[in-house]
């Protein structure tokens, strides 16, 4: 695929009558984001990806080059499995029982705000265009948090029924439990970018677009970004779910996946796909300049061509 796009770029650059046009463009992207991981049995985290930025574009013949700056935001939701645990406990009367803990309906979110520098190459033929290249991505902000519902009940060997909904014995149903919002530092990333689309000026009826169809160019495209490097940088996390015995009873804790020991030594990469909308404004072209040659003018030089004729 890389070889094919390279050949297309090379053929787009070469032309007998070269034409060069410069643009400043604005773009906005919206699409699906997946946070891929190598944790055994852990599902990939679906989410939302959005980008907004500005670029410089060079169109030389059919060859297209772009470099710019964009802000990226990713929101991903880690899919956590339900958990069931049984804890051996002793009640106030000294009897041994099993406290069953069921954790479900979890919502584990991660946020990522990055500054991207896309450097793209491609070609444009008529209404169709494509661009490929790297995006260098620097993390500016990251955070993660997790909430879930917890249900606890007591099981005694000498009783037929289990004990539910007794808050004074810490038997509760559907109680909200969660972590605080924790900071996340994502690693520097390089994303491989692919963009396929076309011009959509003909869809608009504004007078400016009809009179100057090439001065303002609008594009609609499909895009895909795949992260090459590992995003994860945190180490030494706590268990995903844990508890401690205190004087007030058992205290339960919930840890976000990205800050837990479960994610330690795992590799995380992002994959984003969606729709990109671009508006490109053509920059003014330099007019032709004429240089007065005194020597030629002094000798009565006259350029041949047009309707000129030679007299002897």
Protein backbone atom coordinates (compact mmCIF):
# COMPACT_ATOMS: atom_id res chain seq x y z
CA UNK A 1 0.00 0.00 0.00
CA UNK A 2 2.84 2.40 0.91
CA UNK A 3 4.57 1.59 -2.41
CA UNK A 4 1.37 2.26 -4.36
CA UNK A 5 0.77 5.64 -2.70
CA UNK A 6 4.44 6.58 -3.23
CA UNK A 7 4.12 5.87 -6.95
CA UNK A 8 0.95 7.95 -7.14
CA UNK A 9 2.67 10.88 -5.37
CA UNK A 10 5.65 10.67 -7.77
CA UNK A 11 3.44 10.64 -10.86
CA UNK A 12 1.36 13.53 -9.51
CA UNK A 13 4.47 15.68 -8.99
CA UNK A 14 5.83 15.35 -12.55
CA UNK A 15 4.17 17.32 -15.31
CA UNK A 16 5.36 19.10 -18.46
CA UNK A 17 3.64 22.40 -17.60
CA UNK A 18 4.12 22.86 -13.84
CA UNK A 19 1.43 24.69 -11.86
CA UNK A 20 1.83 25.57 -8.18
CA UNK A 21 -0.92 26.82 -5.86
CA UNK A 22 -0.73 27.59 -2.13
CA UNK A 23 -3.59 27.28 0.38
CA UNK A 24 -4.39 27.85 4.04
CA UNK A 25 -6.97 25.33 5.21
CA UNK A 26 -9.12 24.65 8.27
CA UNK A 27 -10.43 21.19 9.11
CA UNK A 28 -12.63 19.41 11.61
CA UNK A 29 -12.82 15.63 12.19
CA UNK A 30 -15.29 13.45 14.05
CA UNK A 31 -15.27 9.70 14.37
CA UNK A 32 -14.90 6.46 16.29
CA UNK A 33 -11.95 5.81 18.58
CA UNK A 34 -10.69 2.46 19.87
CA UNK A 35 -8.08 2.12 22.62
CA UNK A 36 -6.41 -1.20 21.83
CA UNK A 37 -4.66 -3.17 24.57
CA UNK A 38 -2.74 -6.41 25.11
CA UNK A 39 -4.34 -7.34 28.47
CA UNK A 40 -5.43 -11.01 28.27
CA UNK A 41 -9.22 -11.25 28.14
CA UNK A 42 -9.72 -7.46 28.25
CA UNK A 43 -11.93 -5.94 25.56
CA UNK A 44 -10.75 -2.94 23.56
CA UNK A 45 -12.19 0.38 24.74
CA UNK A 46 -14.58 2.07 22.27
CA UNK A 47 -15.00 5.82 22.26
CA UNK A 48 -15.06 9.14 20.42
CA UNK A 49 -12.34 10.97 18.49
CA UNK A 50 -12.41 14.59 17.34
CA UNK A 51 -9.80 16.88 15.80
CA UNK A 52 -9.71 20.54 14.80
CA UNK A 53 -6.79 22.27 13.14
CA UNK A 54 -5.22 24.53 10.53
CA UNK A 55 -2.83 23.57 7.72
CA UNK A 56 -0.66 24.93 4.95
CA UNK A 57 -1.33 23.16 1.63
CA UNK A 58 0.80 23.07 -1.50
CA UNK A 59 -0.68 21.83 -4.77
CA UNK A 60 2.04 21.31 -7.38
CA UNK A 61 0.51 19.92 -10.56
CA UNK A 62 -1.48 17.03 -9.05
CA UNK A 63 0.89 16.53 -6.11
CA UNK A 64 -0.47 17.57 -2.70
CA UNK A 65 1.54 18.39 0.43
CA UNK A 66 0.19 19.53 3.80
CA UNK A 67 1.66 20.42 7.17
CA UNK A 68 -0.24 21.89 10.09
CA UNK A 69 -1.24 21.90 13.72
CA UNK A 70 -4.32 20.33 15.28
CA UNK A 71 -5.86 19.63 18.64
CA UNK A 72 -7.09 16.09 19.29
CA UNK A 73 -9.50 14.81 21.94
CA UNK A 74 -10.16 11.12 22.63
CA UNK A 75 -12.74 9.72 25.05
CA UNK A 76 -12.70 5.96 25.66
CA UNK A 77 -14.76 3.66 27.87
CA UNK A 78 -13.04 0.53 29.17
CA UNK A 79 -15.36 -2.47 29.30
CA UNK A 80 -14.91 -4.14 32.71
CA UNK A 81 -16.26 -7.56 33.58
CA UNK A 82 -18.57 -8.12 36.53
CA UNK A 83 -16.80 -9.30 39.66
CA UNK A 84 -17.90 -11.67 42.39
CA UNK A 85 -15.89 -12.24 45.53
CA UNK A 86 -16.52 -14.03 48.83
CA UNK A 87 -14.80 -12.68 51.94
CA UNK A 88 -14.59 -14.70 55.15
CA UNK A 89 -15.90 -12.46 57.97
CA UNK A 90 -16.82 -12.68 61.66
CA UNK A 91 -19.93 -10.89 62.85
CA UNK A 92 -20.43 -9.06 66.17
CA UNK A 93 -21.55 -12.30 67.86
CA UNK A 94 -18.41 -14.12 66.76
CA UNK A 95 -20.08 -16.25 64.09
CA UNK A 96 -18.21 -16.93 60.81
CA UNK A 97 -19.99 -16.08 57.56
CA UNK A 98 -19.18 -15.32 53.89
CA UNK A 99 -19.71 -11.76 52.69
CA UNK A 100 -20.44 -11.96 48.96
CA UNK A 101 -19.51 -8.86 46.95
CA UNK A 102 -20.92 -8.36 43.45
CA UNK A 103 -19.57 -5.44 41.37
CA UNK A 104 -21.36 -4.55 38.10
CA UNK A 105 -22.56 -1.67 35.90
CA UNK A 106 -19.07 -0.19 35.80
CA UNK A 107 -18.19 2.93 33.82
CA UNK A 108 -14.46 3.37 33.35
CA UNK A 109 -13.48 6.43 31.29
CA UNK A 110 -10.20 7.78 29.97
CA UNK A 111 -9.59 11.24 28.49
CA UNK A 112 -6.77 12.31 26.19
CA UNK A 113 -5.98 15.79 24.83
CA UNK A 114 -3.06 15.90 22.38
CA UNK A 115 -1.35 18.41 20.12
CA UNK A 116 -0.76 16.86 16.68
CA UNK A 117 1.58 17.90 13.87
CA UNK A 118 0.39 16.19 10.65
CA UNK A 119 2.87 16.00 7.74
CA UNK A 120 0.98 14.55 4.78
CA UNK A 121 1.64 13.79 1.12
CA UNK A 122 -0.78 12.85 -1.61
CA UNK A 123 -2.40 13.79 -4.88
CA UNK A 124 -5.49 15.51 -6.27
CA UNK A 125 -7.15 14.65 -9.58
CA UNK A 126 -10.36 16.49 -10.36
CA UNK A 127 -12.65 16.01 -7.38
CA UNK A 128 -10.77 13.03 -5.91
CA UNK A 129 -7.80 13.33 -3.56
CA UNK A 130 -5.84 11.25 -1.07
CA UNK A 131 -3.22 11.98 1.60
CA UNK A 132 -0.96 9.76 3.69
CA UNK A 133 1.79 10.41 6.20
CA UNK A 134 2.72 10.62 9.88
CA UNK A 135 1.10 12.59 12.68
CA UNK A 136 3.40 13.49 15.58
CA UNK A 137 1.30 13.59 18.75
CA UNK A 138 2.27 15.24 22.05
CA UNK A 139 0.08 14.72 25.12
CA UNK A 140 -1.20 17.84 26.91
CA UNK A 141 -3.77 16.38 29.30
CA UNK A 142 -4.99 12.99 30.43
CA UNK A 143 -7.26 11.65 33.16
CA UNK A 144 -9.20 8.54 34.12
CA UNK A 145 -12.00 7.64 36.52
CA UNK A 146 -14.20 4.68 37.36
CA UNK A 147 -17.62 4.14 38.98
CA UNK A 148 -19.66 0.97 39.55
CA UNK A 149 -22.51 -0.48 41.59
CA UNK A 150 -21.82 -2.85 44.48
CA UNK A 151 -24.16 -5.38 46.06
CA UNK A 152 -23.21 -7.26 49.24
CA UNK A 153 -25.00 -10.00 51.17
CA UNK A 154 -24.18 -12.45 53.94
CA UNK A 155 -24.23 -16.25 53.72
CA UNK A 156 -24.29 -18.39 56.90
CA UNK A 157 -23.98 -22.16 56.96
CA UNK A 158 -26.60 -22.50 59.71
CA UNK A 159 -29.24 -20.29 58.04
CA UNK A 160 -31.32 -21.29 55.03
CA UNK A 161 -31.65 -17.77 53.54
CA UNK A 162 -28.95 -15.22 52.83
CA UNK A 163 -29.03 -11.78 54.45
CA UNK A 164 -29.75 -8.80 52.17
CA UNK A 165 -30.36 -5.06 52.62
CA UNK A 166 -29.06 -4.65 56.15
CA UNK A 167 -26.93 -1.47 55.99
CA UNK A 168 -25.96 -1.73 59.67
CA UNK A 169 -24.24 -5.04 58.76
CA UNK A 170 -22.91 -3.60 55.44
CA UNK A 171 -25.33 -5.63 53.35
CA UNK A 172 -26.41 -3.19 50.59
CA UNK A 173 -27.92 -3.46 47.10
CA UNK A 174 -26.88 -1.32 44.11
CA UNK A 175 -24.76 1.12 46.10
CA UNK A 176 -22.66 3.55 44.05
CA UNK A 177 -18.92 3.16 44.42
CA UNK A 178 -16.20 5.01 42.53
CA UNK A 179 -12.75 6.49 42.36
CA UNK A 180 -11.72 10.10 42.14
CA UNK A 181 -10.62 11.54 38.79
CA UNK A 182 -6.96 10.59 38.51
CA UNK A 183 -4.31 12.18 36.25
CA UNK A 184 -2.98 10.16 33.30
CA UNK A 185 0.22 10.85 31.42
CA UNK A 186 0.18 9.45 27.89
CA UNK A 187 3.41 8.84 25.98
CA UNK A 188 4.52 10.69 22.85
CA UNK A 189 2.95 9.01 19.84
CA UNK A 190 3.34 8.75 16.08
CA UNK A 191 0.18 7.95 14.14
CA UNK A 192 0.00 6.66 10.57
CA UNK A 193 -2.66 8.73 8.77
CA UNK A 194 -4.74 7.85 5.70
CA UNK A 195 -7.24 10.20 4.09
CA UNK A 196 -9.47 9.53 1.06
CA UNK A 197 -12.06 11.98 -0.20
CA UNK A 198 -13.17 14.54 -2.74
CA UNK A 199 -14.20 18.14 -3.38
CA UNK A 200 -17.79 19.07 -2.58
CA UNK A 201 -17.98 22.68 -3.83
CA UNK A 202 -20.73 21.80 -6.29
CA UNK A 203 -23.04 21.07 -3.35
CA UNK A 204 -23.13 24.76 -2.35
CA UNK A 205 -25.02 27.49 -4.21
CA UNK A 206 -23.33 30.55 -2.68
CA UNK A 207 -22.36 33.17 -5.27
CA UNK A 208 -18.73 33.29 -4.12
CA UNK A 209 -18.29 29.56 -4.78
CA UNK A 210 -19.86 29.82 -8.27
CA UNK A 211 -17.69 32.75 -9.37
CA UNK A 212 -14.42 31.48 -7.85
CA UNK A 213 -14.70 27.69 -7.59
CA UNK A 214 -10.93 27.26 -7.06
CA UNK A 215 -10.37 30.13 -4.60
CA UNK A 216 -12.28 28.35 -1.83
CA UNK A 217 -12.13 24.56 -1.97
CA UNK A 218 -14.17 22.29 0.29
CA UNK A 219 -13.40 18.63 0.86
CA UNK A 220 -15.17 15.73 2.57
CA UNK A 221 -13.08 12.64 3.33
CA UNK A 222 -12.77 9.41 5.25
CA UNK A 223 -9.77 9.33 7.62
CA UNK A 224 -7.97 6.69 9.68
CA UNK A 225 -5.24 7.16 12.31
CA UNK A 226 -3.32 4.25 13.81
CA UNK A 227 -0.93 4.78 16.71
CA UNK A 228 2.45 3.14 16.15
CA UNK A 229 3.93 3.64 19.64
CA UNK A 230 2.81 2.46 23.08
CA UNK A 231 0.70 5.13 24.81
CA UNK A 232 0.90 3.70 28.32
CA UNK A 233 3.45 5.09 30.78
CA UNK A 234 2.09 4.34 34.30
CA UNK A 235 3.58 1.55 36.41
CA UNK A 236 2.93 -0.05 39.80
CA UNK A 237 -0.85 0.32 40.07
CA UNK A 238 -3.26 -1.00 42.69
CA UNK A 239 -5.66 -3.97 42.17
CA UNK A 240 -8.73 -3.19 40.12
CA UNK A 241 -10.99 -4.00 43.07
CA UNK A 242 -9.84 -4.24 46.68
CA UNK A 243 -11.06 -3.90 50.26
CA UNK A 244 -9.64 -3.09 53.69
CA UNK A 245 -10.95 -3.90 57.14
CA UNK A 246 -11.43 -0.81 59.30
CA UNK A 247 -12.98 -0.06 62.67
CA UNK A 248 -16.17 0.95 60.89
CA UNK A 249 -16.28 -2.30 58.88
CA UNK A 250 -15.07 -3.32 55.44
CA UNK A 251 -14.08 -0.47 53.09
CA UNK A 252 -14.26 -1.27 49.35
CA UNK A 253 -12.12 0.42 46.70
CA UNK A 254 -12.41 0.63 42.92
CA UNK A 255 -9.42 1.49 40.75
CA UNK A 256 -9.57 2.71 37.12
CA UNK A 257 -8.20 0.13 34.69
CA UNK A 258 -5.46 2.45 33.42
CA UNK A 259 -4.17 3.01 36.97
CA UNK A 260 -4.51 -0.61 38.11
CA UNK A 261 -2.00 -3.44 38.33
CA UNK A 262 -3.98 -5.22 35.61
CA UNK A 263 -2.63 -2.74 33.02
CA UNK A 264 0.98 -3.02 34.19
CA UNK A 265 3.35 -4.08 31.35
CA UNK A 266 0.48 -3.92 28.84
CA UNK A 267 0.70 -2.09 25.51
CA UNK A 268 -1.96 0.45 24.51
CA UNK A 269 -2.41 1.89 21.02
CA UNK A 270 -5.17 4.03 19.53
CA UNK A 271 -7.14 3.55 16.31
CA UNK A 272 -9.36 6.36 15.04
CA UNK A 273 -11.64 6.36 11.98
CA UNK A 274 -14.20 8.93 10.89
CA UNK A 275 -15.18 11.80 8.61
CA UNK A 276 -13.02 14.86 7.92
CA UNK A 277 -14.28 18.20 6.56
CA UNK A 278 -11.78 20.71 5.15
CA UNK A 279 -12.08 24.26 3.78
CA UNK A 280 -9.02 25.49 1.84
CA UNK A 281 -8.47 29.16 0.94
CA UNK A 282 -6.15 29.92 -1.96
CA UNK A 283 -3.36 32.39 -1.20
CA UNK A 284 -2.75 35.32 -3.61
CA UNK A 285 -0.45 34.53 -6.50
CA UNK A 286 2.46 36.76 -7.46
CA UNK A 287 1.94 38.66 -10.70
CA UNK A 288 4.32 38.44 -13.64
CA UNK A 289 7.35 40.72 -13.51
CA UNK A 290 9.03 42.29 -16.54
CA UNK A 291 12.71 43.28 -16.53
CA UNK A 292 13.81 46.11 -18.80
CA UNK A 293 16.95 45.15 -20.76
CA UNK A 294 18.74 48.35 -21.85
CA UNK A 295 21.11 46.54 -24.21
CA UNK A 296 18.31 44.87 -26.13
CA UNK A 297 16.27 48.06 -26.27
CA UNK A 298 19.27 50.05 -27.48
CA UNK A 299 19.88 47.69 -30.41
CA UNK A 300 16.27 47.95 -31.56
CA UNK A 301 15.49 44.43 -30.35
CA UNK A 302 12.04 43.18 -31.21
CA UNK A 303 10.65 39.87 -30.01
CA UNK A 304 9.24 37.69 -32.70
CA UNK A 305 5.82 36.13 -32.37
CA UNK A 306 2.19 37.12 -32.36
CA UNK A 307 1.28 39.50 -35.21
CA UNK A 308 4.75 41.04 -35.52
CA UNK A 309 6.44 41.00 -38.90
CA UNK A 310 10.01 41.67 -39.99
CA UNK A 311 10.76 44.49 -42.37
CA UNK A 312 13.97 44.69 -44.41
